[in-house]
Amino acid sequence: MARSTLRKDHPLSMRLPDADIAIIDRAASLRGRSRTEFMRDAAVRTAEEVIMENTVIRMSPDGFAAFVDMLDRPAKPVPEMVELLKRPAPWEPKSASE
C-alpha cells in the first residue's frame, strides 16, 4: 500500500531540543522529504530492525546442519563483484590509460 493512501489515525507528538530538530530537518531536506515523512520512515525502519534482531528463527536439526555446512564452505568469487572491486574509487585519480 502506498504511503499516501495510508490512514493517519494515530497522531504522534514529541518534544525535542532545537538542535535535534535542526539535524532532523537537515537530513530530511537532503533526502527531499518532509520532517514527518523522514521521522516516520526512520522510526519504522528502526522498529523493523529491532523486531528482526529479536525474532527467533526455528529450523530442524538437519536444516541447521545444512546451514552451518554452507557457512563453513570456502567463499566463491562473484565475477561481477571482482570486476567492481577492480575499478578505482571515484575520488582516486584516473590512470593514464583511460
C-alpha atoms as a PDB file:
ATOM      1  CA  MET A   1       0.000   0.000   0.000  1.00  0.00           C
ATOM      2  CA  ALA A   2       1.423   3.405  -0.940  1.00  0.00           C
ATOM      3  CA  ARG A   3       2.235   5.705   1.935  1.00  0.00           C
ATOM      4  CA  SER A   4      -0.057   8.454   0.598  1.00  0.00           C
ATOM      5  CA  THR A   5      -3.096   6.170   0.868  1.00  0.00           C
ATOM      6  CA  LEU A   6      -2.496   5.193   4.493  1.00  0.00           C
ATOM      7  CA  ARG A   7      -4.961   6.490   7.028  1.00  0.00           C
ATOM      8  CA  LYS A   8      -3.460   8.685   9.693  1.00  0.00           C
ATOM      9  CA  ASP A   9      -5.468   7.628  12.732  1.00  0.00           C
ATOM     10  CA  HIS A  10      -2.756   7.870  15.369  1.00  0.00           C
ATOM     11  CA  PRO A  11      -1.063  11.238  15.748  1.00  0.00           C
ATOM     12  CA  LEU A  12       2.299  11.187  17.483  1.00  0.00           C
ATOM     13  CA  SER A  13       3.764  14.181  19.260  1.00  0.00           C
ATOM     14  CA  MET A  14       7.307  14.577  20.531  1.00  0.00           C
ATOM     15  CA  ARG A  15       9.174  17.298  22.364  1.00  0.00           C
ATOM     16  CA  LEU A  16      12.695  17.671  21.046  1.00  0.00           C
ATOM     17  CA  PRO A  17      15.508  20.156  21.606  1.00  0.00           C
ATOM     18  CA  ASP A  18      16.118  22.684  18.842  1.00  0.00           C
ATOM     19  CA  ALA A  19      19.430  21.006  17.984  1.00  0.00           C
ATOM     20  CA  ASP A  20      17.665  17.675  17.354  1.00  0.00           C
ATOM     21  CA  ILE A  21      15.030  19.350  15.171  1.00  0.00           C
ATOM     22  CA  ALA A  22      17.762  21.122  13.203  1.00  0.00           C
ATOM     23  CA  ILE A  23      19.638  17.919  12.423  1.00  0.00           C
ATOM     24  CA  ILE A  24      16.428  16.056  11.559  1.00  0.00           C
ATOM     25  CA  ASP A  25      15.346  18.891   9.261  1.00  0.00           C
ATOM     26  CA  ARG A  26      18.751  18.956   7.579  1.00  0.00           C
ATOM     27  CA  ALA A  27      18.703  15.208   6.960  1.00  0.00           C
ATOM     28  CA  ALA A  28      15.091  15.324   5.735  1.00  0.00           C
ATOM     29  CA  SER A  29      15.998  18.111   3.343  1.00  0.00           C
ATOM     30  CA  LEU A  30      18.949  16.122   1.993  1.00  0.00           C
ATOM     31  CA  ARG A  31      16.554  13.252   1.275  1.00  0.00           C
ATOM     32  CA  GLY A  32      13.918  15.562  -0.225  1.00  0.00           C
ATOM     33  CA  ARG A  33      11.401  14.551   2.440  1.00  0.00           C
ATOM     34  CA  SER A  34       9.284  16.415   4.939  1.00  0.00           C
ATOM     35  CA  ARG A  35      10.220  16.183   8.601  1.00  0.00           C
ATOM     36  CA  THR A  36       7.174  13.979   9.225  1.00  0.00           C
ATOM     37  CA  GLU A  37       7.986  11.605   6.350  1.00  0.00           C
ATOM     38  CA  PHE A  38      11.630  11.410   7.382  1.00  0.00           C
ATOM     39  CA  MET A  39      10.859  10.718  11.040  1.00  0.00           C
ATOM     40  CA  ARG A  40       8.151   8.173  10.218  1.00  0.00           C
ATOM     41  CA  ASP A  41      10.469   6.291   7.852  1.00  0.00           C
ATOM     42  CA  ALA A  42      13.349   6.385  10.345  1.00  0.00           C
ATOM     43  CA  ALA A  43      11.156   5.210  13.213  1.00  0.00           C
ATOM     44  CA  VAL A  44       9.575   2.378  11.198  1.00  0.00           C
ATOM     45  CA  ARG A  45      12.962   1.254   9.831  1.00  0.00           C
ATOM     46  CA  THR A  46      14.445   1.182  13.340  1.00  0.00           C
ATOM     47  CA  ALA A  47      11.413  -0.672  14.694  1.00  0.00           C
ATOM     48  CA  GLU A  48      11.742  -3.281  11.931  1.00  0.00           C
ATOM     49  CA  GLU A  49      15.449  -3.735  12.746  1.00  0.00           C
ATOM     50  CA  VAL A  50      14.693  -4.253  16.439  1.00  0.00           C
ATOM     51  CA  ILE A  51      11.984  -6.794  15.631  1.00  0.00           C
ATOM     52  CA  MET A  52      14.296  -8.678  13.249  1.00  0.00           C
ATOM     53  CA  GLU A  53      17.110  -8.687  15.828  1.00  0.00           C
ATOM     54  CA  ASN A  54      14.771 -10.227  18.368  1.00  0.00           C
ATOM     55  CA  THR A  55      12.987 -12.720  16.149  1.00  0.00           C
ATOM     56  CA  VAL A  56      13.751 -16.354  16.791  1.00  0.00           C
ATOM     57  CA  ILE A  57      14.418 -18.390  13.680  1.00  0.00           C
ATOM     58  CA  ARG A  58      13.482 -22.011  14.098  1.00  0.00           C
ATOM     59  CA  MET A  59      14.716 -24.856  11.931  1.00  0.00           C
ATOM     60  CA  SER A  60      15.133 -28.577  12.120  1.00  0.00           C
ATOM     61  CA  PRO A  61      18.446 -30.078  13.256  1.00  0.00           C
ATOM     62  CA  ASP A  62      19.062 -31.240   9.669  1.00  0.00           C
ATOM     63  CA  GLY A  63      18.288 -27.791   8.317  1.00  0.00           C
ATOM     64  CA  PHE A  64      20.622 -26.180  10.850  1.00  0.00           C
ATOM     65  CA  ALA A  65      23.399 -28.641   9.979  1.00  0.00           C
ATOM     66  CA  ALA A  66      22.981 -27.817   6.279  1.00  0.00           C
ATOM     67  CA  PHE A  67      23.061 -24.083   7.099  1.00  0.00           C
ATOM     68  CA  VAL A  68      26.265 -24.407   9.144  1.00  0.00           C
ATOM     69  CA  ASP A  69      27.803 -26.560   6.402  1.00  0.00           C
ATOM     70  CA  MET A  70      27.151 -23.824   3.844  1.00  0.00           C
ATOM     71  CA  LEU A  71      28.723 -21.214   6.124  1.00  0.00           C
ATOM     72  CA  ASP A  72      31.802 -23.387   6.605  1.00  0.00           C
ATOM     73  CA  ARG A  73      32.454 -23.783   2.880  1.00  0.00           C
ATOM     74  CA  PRO A  74      35.075 -21.563   1.249  1.00  0.00           C
ATOM     75  CA  ALA A  75      33.655 -18.488  -0.403  1.00  0.00           C
ATOM     76  CA  LYS A  76      33.352 -18.468  -4.185  1.00  0.00           C
ATOM     77  CA  PRO A  77      34.245 -15.283  -6.040  1.00  0.00           C
ATOM     78  CA  VAL A  78      31.400 -13.495  -7.763  1.00  0.00           C
ATOM     79  CA  PRO A  79      32.775 -12.265 -11.121  1.00  0.00           C
ATOM     80  CA  GLU A  80      30.682  -9.078 -11.069  1.00  0.00           C
ATOM     81  CA  MET A  81      31.946  -8.192  -7.587  1.00  0.00           C
ATOM     82  CA  VAL A  82      35.564  -8.921  -8.552  1.00  0.00           C
ATOM     83  CA  GLU A  83      35.218  -6.600 -11.554  1.00  0.00           C
ATOM     84  CA  LEU A  84      33.550  -3.900  -9.467  1.00  0.00           C
ATOM     85  CA  LEU A  85      36.296  -4.002  -6.847  1.00  0.00           C
ATOM     86  CA  LYS A  86      38.968  -3.606  -9.548  1.00  0.00           C
ATOM     87  CA  ARG A  87      37.553  -0.211 -10.539  1.00  0.00           C
ATOM     88  CA  PRO A  88      39.167   2.866  -8.993  1.00  0.00           C
ATOM     89  CA  ALA A  89      37.101   4.736  -6.452  1.00  0.00           C
ATOM     90  CA  PRO A  90      35.523   7.956  -7.781  1.00  0.00           C
ATOM     91  CA  TRP A  91      37.920  10.026  -5.666  1.00  0.00           C
ATOM     92  CA  GLU A  92      41.027   8.219  -6.943  1.00  0.00           C
ATOM     93  CA  PRO A  93      42.879   9.697  -9.908  1.00  0.00           C
ATOM     94  CA  LYS A  94      42.187   8.022 -13.230  1.00  0.00           C
ATOM     95  CA  SER A  95      45.042   6.057 -14.747  1.00  0.00           C
ATOM     96  CA  ALA A  96      46.843   7.392 -17.816  1.00  0.00           C
ATOM     97  CA  SER A  97      45.483   4.534 -19.944  1.00  0.00           C
ATOM     98  CA  GLU A  98      41.889   5.771 -19.642  1.00  0.00           C
END
